[in-house]
Amino acid sequence: MRRVTAIIETSSENYSAYIVGVDGVTATGATLDEVKQNLVEAVEELMESCKETGSPVPEELSGEYELNFSHCN
């Protein structure tokens, strides 16, 4: 199974996250758990959108993968 890196950054008010190499998939949350869950949901929404529109799934998210969260700051 391939590991996909998700970066979590801390600001003064919340956390934000994105997936390395995948444009447009971001999330925010008040806690680490919340931002992780929101990022997973953002990926699910992207996959559904690709399916509905016939757009290609980003290579990083095709096939079997797991998100590997890395917390910066």
N, C-alpha and C. Protein backbone atom coordinates (compact mmCIF):
# COMPACT_ATOMS: atom_id res chain seq x y z
N MET A 1 0.84 -1.17 0.00
CA MET A 1 0.00 0.00 0.00
C MET A 1 0.90 1.25 0.00
N ARG A 2 0.53 2.19 -0.83
CA ARG A 2 1.31 3.42 -0.97
C ARG A 2 0.92 4.42 0.12
N ARG A 3 1.93 5.14 0.62
CA ARG A 3 1.68 6.19 1.61
C ARG A 3 1.64 7.54 0.92
N VAL A 4 0.62 8.30 1.23
CA VAL A 4 0.45 9.64 0.68
C VAL A 4 0.63 10.62 1.83
N THR A 5 1.50 11.60 1.66
CA THR A 5 1.81 12.54 2.73
C THR A 5 0.80 13.67 2.80
N ALA A 6 0.25 13.84 3.98
CA ALA A 6 -0.65 14.95 4.28
C ALA A 6 0.04 15.82 5.32
N ILE A 7 0.16 17.10 5.03
CA ILE A 7 0.83 18.04 5.92
C ILE A 7 -0.21 18.78 6.75
N ILE A 8 0.00 18.83 8.05
CA ILE A 8 -0.85 19.62 8.95
C ILE A 8 -0.02 20.77 9.48
N GLU A 9 -0.56 21.97 9.34
CA GLU A 9 0.10 23.17 9.84
C GLU A 9 -0.75 23.80 10.93
N THR A 10 -0.09 24.45 11.87
CA THR A 10 -0.76 25.10 12.99
C THR A 10 -0.74 26.61 12.80
N SER A 11 -1.89 27.23 13.03
CA SER A 11 -1.94 28.69 13.07
C SER A 11 -2.38 29.09 14.47
N SER A 12 -2.52 30.36 14.69
CA SER A 12 -2.91 30.82 16.03
C SER A 12 -4.36 30.46 16.35
N GLU A 13 -5.17 30.15 15.31
CA GLU A 13 -6.59 29.92 15.55
C GLU A 13 -7.07 28.50 15.25
N ASN A 14 -6.34 27.77 14.38
CA ASN A 14 -6.80 26.43 14.02
C ASN A 14 -5.67 25.63 13.37
N TYR A 15 -6.03 24.51 12.81
CA TYR A 15 -5.11 23.68 12.05
C TYR A 15 -5.57 23.67 10.59
N SER A 16 -4.62 23.53 9.68
CA SER A 16 -4.96 23.36 8.27
C SER A 16 -4.16 22.19 7.74
N ALA A 17 -4.68 21.58 6.67
CA ALA A 17 -4.01 20.40 6.12
C ALA A 17 -4.17 20.37 4.61
N TYR A 18 -3.18 19.76 3.96
CA TYR A 18 -3.23 19.54 2.53
C TYR A 18 -2.45 18.28 2.20
N ILE A 19 -2.68 17.77 0.99
CA ILE A 19 -1.99 16.57 0.55
C ILE A 19 -0.91 16.98 -0.44
N VAL A 20 0.29 16.54 -0.20
CA VAL A 20 1.42 16.86 -1.07
C VAL A 20 1.16 16.30 -2.47
N GLY A 21 1.24 17.18 -3.47
CA GLY A 21 1.10 16.77 -4.85
C GLY A 21 -0.32 16.73 -5.37
N VAL A 22 -1.31 17.06 -4.53
CA VAL A 22 -2.71 17.04 -4.96
C VAL A 22 -3.28 18.44 -4.78
N ASP A 23 -3.49 19.12 -5.88
CA ASP A 23 -4.03 20.48 -5.82
C ASP A 23 -5.49 20.48 -5.41
N GLY A 24 -5.86 21.46 -4.60
CA GLY A 24 -7.27 21.68 -4.28
C GLY A 24 -7.86 20.85 -3.17
N VAL A 25 -7.10 19.97 -2.55
CA VAL A 25 -7.62 19.18 -1.45
C VAL A 25 -7.02 19.73 -0.17
N THR A 26 -7.84 20.51 0.55
CA THR A 26 -7.40 21.13 1.79
C THR A 26 -8.49 21.00 2.84
N ALA A 27 -8.12 21.24 4.08
CA ALA A 27 -9.09 21.20 5.17
C ALA A 27 -8.59 22.04 6.32
N THR A 28 -9.52 22.44 7.17
CA THR A 28 -9.18 23.12 8.42
C THR A 28 -9.96 22.47 9.54
N GLY A 29 -9.53 22.72 10.76
CA GLY A 29 -10.23 22.20 11.93
C GLY A 29 -9.70 22.81 13.20
N ALA A 30 -10.51 22.78 14.23
CA ALA A 30 -10.14 23.35 15.52
C ALA A 30 -9.16 22.47 16.29
N THR A 31 -9.16 21.16 15.98
CA THR A 31 -8.28 20.21 16.65
C THR A 31 -7.56 19.36 15.60
N LEU A 32 -6.54 18.65 16.02
CA LEU A 32 -5.85 17.74 15.10
C LEU A 32 -6.79 16.67 14.56
N ASP A 33 -7.58 16.09 15.45
CA ASP A 33 -8.52 15.05 15.00
C ASP A 33 -9.52 15.60 13.99
N GLU A 34 -10.00 16.83 14.24
CA GLU A 34 -10.98 17.42 13.35
C GLU A 34 -10.38 17.70 11.97
N VAL A 35 -9.18 18.26 11.93
CA VAL A 35 -8.58 18.56 10.63
C VAL A 35 -8.27 17.28 9.86
N LYS A 36 -7.87 16.22 10.54
CA LYS A 36 -7.63 14.94 9.87
C LYS A 36 -8.93 14.40 9.27
N GLN A 37 -9.99 14.41 10.05
CA GLN A 37 -11.29 13.92 9.58
C GLN A 37 -11.79 14.77 8.40
N ASN A 38 -11.62 16.07 8.51
CA ASN A 38 -12.06 16.96 7.43
C ASN A 38 -11.27 16.72 6.15
N LEU A 39 -9.99 16.39 6.27
CA LEU A 39 -9.18 16.11 5.09
C LEU A 39 -9.63 14.80 4.43
N VAL A 40 -9.91 13.81 5.23
CA VAL A 40 -10.43 12.54 4.70
C VAL A 40 -11.74 12.80 3.95
N GLU A 41 -12.61 13.62 4.51
CA GLU A 41 -13.88 13.95 3.86
C GLU A 41 -13.64 14.73 2.57
N ALA A 42 -12.65 15.61 2.56
CA ALA A 42 -12.33 16.36 1.34
C ALA A 42 -11.86 15.42 0.23
N VAL A 43 -11.09 14.40 0.58
CA VAL A 43 -10.66 13.41 -0.40
C VAL A 43 -11.87 12.65 -0.92
N GLU A 44 -12.77 12.25 -0.05
CA GLU A 44 -13.97 11.53 -0.46
C GLU A 44 -14.80 12.38 -1.42
N GLU A 45 -14.92 13.68 -1.13
CA GLU A 45 -15.67 14.58 -2.01
C GLU A 45 -14.99 14.70 -3.37
N LEU A 46 -13.67 14.78 -3.39
CA LEU A 46 -12.94 14.84 -4.64
C LEU A 46 -13.19 13.58 -5.46
N MET A 47 -13.11 12.44 -4.84
CA MET A 47 -13.32 11.17 -5.54
C MET A 47 -14.73 11.10 -6.13
N GLU A 48 -15.71 11.54 -5.37
CA GLU A 48 -17.09 11.54 -5.85
C GLU A 48 -17.24 12.50 -7.03
N SER A 49 -16.62 13.66 -6.93
CA SER A 49 -16.66 14.63 -8.01
C SER A 49 -16.02 14.08 -9.28
N CYS A 50 -14.88 13.42 -9.14
CA CYS A 50 -14.21 12.82 -10.30
C CYS A 50 -15.10 11.77 -10.95
N LYS A 51 -15.76 10.98 -10.12
CA LYS A 51 -16.65 9.94 -10.63
C LYS A 51 -17.83 10.55 -11.39
N GLU A 52 -18.42 11.60 -10.80
CA GLU A 52 -19.59 12.24 -11.42
C GLU A 52 -19.25 12.94 -12.73
N THR A 53 -18.09 13.56 -12.79
CA THR A 53 -17.74 14.36 -13.97
C THR A 53 -16.89 13.59 -14.98
N GLY A 54 -16.43 12.42 -14.60
CA GLY A 54 -15.57 11.65 -15.48
C GLY A 54 -14.14 12.16 -15.51
N SER A 55 -13.80 13.00 -14.56
CA SER A 55 -12.44 13.54 -14.47
C SER A 55 -11.50 12.47 -13.91
N PRO A 56 -10.23 12.52 -14.27
CA PRO A 56 -9.29 11.54 -13.73
C PRO A 56 -9.02 11.79 -12.24
N VAL A 57 -8.84 10.70 -11.53
CA VAL A 57 -8.46 10.78 -10.12
C VAL A 57 -6.97 11.12 -10.07
N PRO A 58 -6.57 12.05 -9.19
CA PRO A 58 -5.13 12.33 -9.08
C PRO A 58 -4.34 11.04 -8.84
N GLU A 59 -3.20 10.94 -9.50
CA GLU A 59 -2.38 9.73 -9.41
C GLU A 59 -2.08 9.34 -7.96
N GLU A 60 -1.81 10.32 -7.12
CA GLU A 60 -1.48 10.06 -5.71
C GLU A 60 -2.62 9.37 -4.97
N LEU A 61 -3.86 9.56 -5.45
CA LEU A 61 -5.02 9.00 -4.76
C LEU A 61 -5.66 7.83 -5.50
N SER A 62 -5.01 7.35 -6.54
CA SER A 62 -5.56 6.20 -7.27
C SER A 62 -5.05 4.91 -6.64
N GLY A 63 -5.86 3.90 -6.71
CA GLY A 63 -5.48 2.62 -6.12
C GLY A 63 -5.53 2.66 -4.60
N GLU A 64 -4.78 1.77 -3.99
CA GLU A 64 -4.78 1.68 -2.53
C GLU A 64 -3.69 2.59 -1.96
N TYR A 65 -4.07 3.36 -0.97
CA TYR A 65 -3.13 4.28 -0.32
C TYR A 65 -3.59 4.51 1.12
N GLU A 66 -2.70 5.05 1.90
CA GLU A 66 -3.07 5.51 3.24
C GLU A 66 -2.46 6.89 3.44
N LEU A 67 -3.21 7.74 4.13
CA LEU A 67 -2.71 9.07 4.42
C LEU A 67 -1.72 9.00 5.57
N ASN A 68 -0.56 9.58 5.37
CA ASN A 68 0.47 9.65 6.40
C ASN A 68 0.56 11.11 6.84
N PHE A 69 0.00 11.43 8.00
CA PHE A 69 -0.07 12.79 8.48
C PHE A 69 1.26 13.22 9.10
N SER A 70 1.72 14.39 8.68
CA SER A 70 2.94 14.97 9.21
C SER A 70 2.59 16.36 9.75
N HIS A 71 2.85 16.58 11.03
CA HIS A 71 2.48 17.85 11.67
C HIS A 71 3.67 18.79 11.70
N CYS A 72 3.53 19.92 11.04
CA CYS A 72 4.57 20.96 11.04
C CYS A 72 4.19 22.04 12.06
N ASN A 73 5.17 22.83 12.44
CA ASN A 73 5.02 23.97 13.37
C ASN A 73 5.06 23.47 14.77
